[in-house]
Amino acid sequence: MPSPTSGIAAAAFVLGVLLWRFRITWPGFLLLPVGWIVGAGISMMYMFSGPAIENNREQIPFNSVQWIAGSQDHGTLWPTRLRMADDLVNSKRLLGKSKDEVVALLGFPDISHTNGSQKTIEYVLGPERSLFGIDSESIVVTLDANRRVKIVENMRR
């Protein structure tokens, strides 16, 4: 589904072309450059604000059953985990839970690391939410020596 701001960028481009085509003028030599500048400016605005607008539109509250099943996917760019990640991290609902409780909520982790007494488990979310999303995002859960959740953070890799 196209972003709402893509329509604005397209409209600005069409307006610039129509102004040029029908010779609606200021001084004639200014018409074409002004049309292109307006169209380029609105296109740039879309490029940099579009991902943030789309991210806000795609967010859904965390639900353990849907997280594990992946039942709320919106194509490959908006998998269920990515759509729920901000709510899960911001709610702090995992802090203080045991590893078994985390696995019961989120399913088995995709990646596990151990560094001395500190263990991290990682859940891959999907593609990075940005203009040039070439990396992926993960939720990294850090467990303390008692195997309780100490830190929950969203990481880009």
Protein backbone atom coordinates (compact mmCIF):
# COMPACT_ATOMS: atom_id res chain seq x y z
CA MET A 1 0.00 0.00 0.00
CA PRO A 2 1.51 3.37 -1.00
CA SER A 3 2.23 5.93 1.66
CA PRO A 4 -0.20 8.89 1.87
CA THR A 5 2.66 11.30 1.19
CA SER A 6 3.50 9.62 -2.13
CA GLY A 7 0.27 11.10 -3.54
CA ILE A 8 1.38 14.58 -2.50
CA ALA A 9 4.73 14.17 -4.25
CA ALA A 10 3.04 12.89 -7.41
CA ALA A 11 0.53 15.77 -7.35
CA ALA A 12 3.32 18.34 -7.06
CA PHE A 13 5.14 16.80 -10.01
CA VAL A 14 1.97 16.77 -12.13
CA LEU A 15 1.26 20.38 -11.15
CA GLY A 16 4.74 21.41 -12.29
CA VAL A 17 4.28 19.63 -15.63
CA LEU A 18 0.81 21.17 -16.17
CA LEU A 19 2.09 24.65 -15.37
CA TRP A 20 4.84 24.17 -17.93
CA ARG A 21 2.58 22.52 -20.54
CA PHE A 22 -0.11 25.16 -20.51
CA ARG A 23 2.38 27.99 -20.16
CA ILE A 24 0.80 29.41 -17.03
CA THR A 25 3.46 31.95 -16.48
CA TRP A 26 5.34 34.17 -14.32
CA PRO A 27 8.13 35.32 -16.46
CA GLY A 28 8.37 32.32 -18.80
CA PHE A 29 12.00 31.55 -18.01
CA LEU A 30 11.11 30.86 -14.32
CA LEU A 31 8.23 28.47 -14.86
CA LEU A 32 10.06 25.22 -15.55
CA PRO A 33 12.73 25.59 -12.83
CA VAL A 34 10.12 26.55 -10.21
CA GLY A 35 7.94 23.56 -11.11
CA TRP A 36 10.88 21.17 -10.88
CA ILE A 37 12.09 22.70 -7.59
CA VAL A 38 8.64 22.42 -6.00
CA GLY A 39 8.29 18.83 -7.21
CA ALA A 40 11.80 17.90 -6.03
CA GLY A 41 11.23 19.57 -2.65
CA ILE A 42 8.02 17.69 -2.00
CA SER A 43 9.62 14.44 -3.18
CA MET A 44 12.52 14.96 -0.76
CA MET A 45 10.06 15.68 2.04
CA TYR A 46 8.36 12.36 1.26
CA MET A 47 11.67 10.48 1.15
CA PHE A 48 12.66 11.61 4.63
CA SER A 49 9.27 11.67 6.36
CA GLY A 50 7.59 8.76 4.57
CA PRO A 51 9.27 5.97 6.58
CA ALA A 52 8.39 7.64 9.90
CA ILE A 53 4.77 8.16 8.89
CA GLU A 54 4.50 4.59 7.66
CA ASN A 55 6.13 3.25 10.85
CA ASN A 56 3.54 5.03 13.02
CA ARG A 57 0.71 3.70 10.87
CA GLU A 58 1.93 0.08 11.03
CA GLN A 59 2.43 -0.21 14.82
CA ILE A 60 0.17 -2.62 16.74
CA PRO A 61 0.07 -3.58 20.44
CA PHE A 62 2.06 -6.61 21.59
CA ASN A 63 0.17 -9.91 21.60
CA SER A 64 2.08 -13.09 22.43
CA VAL A 65 -0.04 -15.41 20.29
CA GLN A 66 0.22 -13.18 17.21
CA TRP A 67 3.96 -12.62 17.84
CA ILE A 68 4.68 -16.34 17.75
CA ALA A 69 2.28 -17.09 14.87
CA GLY A 70 3.29 -14.10 12.74
CA SER A 71 -0.39 -13.64 11.96
CA GLN A 72 -0.32 -9.84 11.54
CA ASP A 73 2.24 -9.62 8.73
CA HIS A 74 1.75 -6.82 6.20
CA GLY A 75 4.03 -8.18 3.52
CA THR A 76 7.77 -8.66 3.84
CA LEU A 77 8.44 -5.07 4.94
CA TRP A 78 6.12 -5.20 7.98
CA PRO A 79 6.33 -8.58 9.71
CA THR A 80 4.31 -9.02 12.91
CA ARG A 81 7.34 -8.86 15.22
CA LEU A 82 8.52 -5.56 13.74
CA ARG A 83 5.05 -4.06 14.09
CA MET A 84 4.89 -5.04 17.80
CA ALA A 85 8.50 -4.30 18.77
CA ASP A 86 8.09 -0.72 19.99
CA ASP A 87 5.17 -1.60 22.25
CA LEU A 88 7.06 -4.58 23.69
CA VAL A 89 10.22 -2.58 24.46
CA ASN A 90 8.47 0.58 25.71
CA SER A 91 6.07 -1.29 28.01
CA LYS A 92 9.00 -2.86 29.91
CA ARG A 93 6.85 -5.97 30.42
CA LEU A 94 9.86 -8.29 30.10
CA LEU A 95 12.00 -6.66 32.81
CA GLY A 96 12.54 -8.99 35.80
CA LYS A 97 11.08 -12.05 34.07
CA SER A 98 12.97 -15.34 33.92
CA LYS A 99 14.28 -16.76 30.66
CA ASP A 100 11.52 -19.40 30.73
CA GLU A 101 8.86 -16.70 31.07
CA VAL A 102 10.36 -14.79 28.13
CA VAL A 103 10.39 -17.96 26.00
CA ALA A 104 6.75 -18.60 26.96
CA LEU A 105 5.83 -15.07 25.76
CA LEU A 106 8.03 -14.75 22.67
CA GLY A 107 8.86 -18.30 21.64
CA PHE A 108 12.35 -19.71 21.29
CA PRO A 109 15.01 -17.08 20.49
CA ASP A 110 16.60 -16.85 17.06
CA ILE A 111 20.10 -16.22 18.48
CA SER A 112 21.68 -16.79 21.92
CA HIS A 113 25.01 -15.48 23.24
CA THR A 114 26.84 -16.04 26.51
CA ASN A 115 29.51 -13.70 27.83
CA GLY A 116 30.68 -14.86 31.27
CA SER A 117 27.67 -14.77 33.58
CA GLN A 118 25.68 -12.54 31.20
CA LYS A 119 23.49 -14.18 28.57
CA THR A 120 21.67 -12.47 25.72
CA ILE A 121 18.88 -13.83 23.61
CA GLU A 122 17.84 -12.22 20.38
CA TYR A 123 14.63 -12.18 18.37
CA VAL A 124 15.00 -11.06 14.75
CA LEU A 125 12.23 -8.62 13.83
CA GLY A 126 12.68 -7.99 10.12
CA PRO A 127 14.07 -5.27 7.84
CA GLU A 128 15.28 -2.00 9.33
CA ARG A 129 12.70 0.79 9.43
CA SER A 130 14.48 3.60 7.62
CA LEU A 131 14.83 5.28 4.26
CA PHE A 132 17.54 2.87 3.15
CA GLY A 133 16.62 -0.22 5.20
CA ILE A 134 19.53 -2.47 4.30
CA ASP A 135 20.07 -3.90 7.79
CA SER A 136 17.74 -5.81 10.06
CA GLU A 137 16.30 -5.09 13.48
CA SER A 138 16.28 -7.36 16.51
CA ILE A 139 15.07 -7.27 20.08
CA VAL A 140 17.98 -8.16 22.33
CA VAL A 141 17.12 -9.39 25.83
CA THR A 142 20.00 -9.35 28.33
CA LEU A 143 19.78 -11.69 31.32
CA ASP A 144 21.69 -11.19 34.56
CA ALA A 145 23.53 -13.90 36.56
CA ASN A 146 20.20 -15.05 38.06
CA ARG A 147 18.79 -15.53 34.53
CA ARG A 148 16.36 -12.64 34.97
CA VAL A 149 15.80 -9.97 32.29
CA LYS A 150 17.98 -6.94 32.97
CA ILE A 151 17.83 -5.03 29.66
CA VAL A 152 15.48 -5.12 26.65
CA GLU A 153 16.50 -3.08 23.63
CA ASN A 154 15.88 -2.78 19.94
CA MET A 155 19.11 -3.18 17.92
CA ARG A 156 19.91 -2.57 14.26
CA ARG A 157 22.47 -4.91 12.73
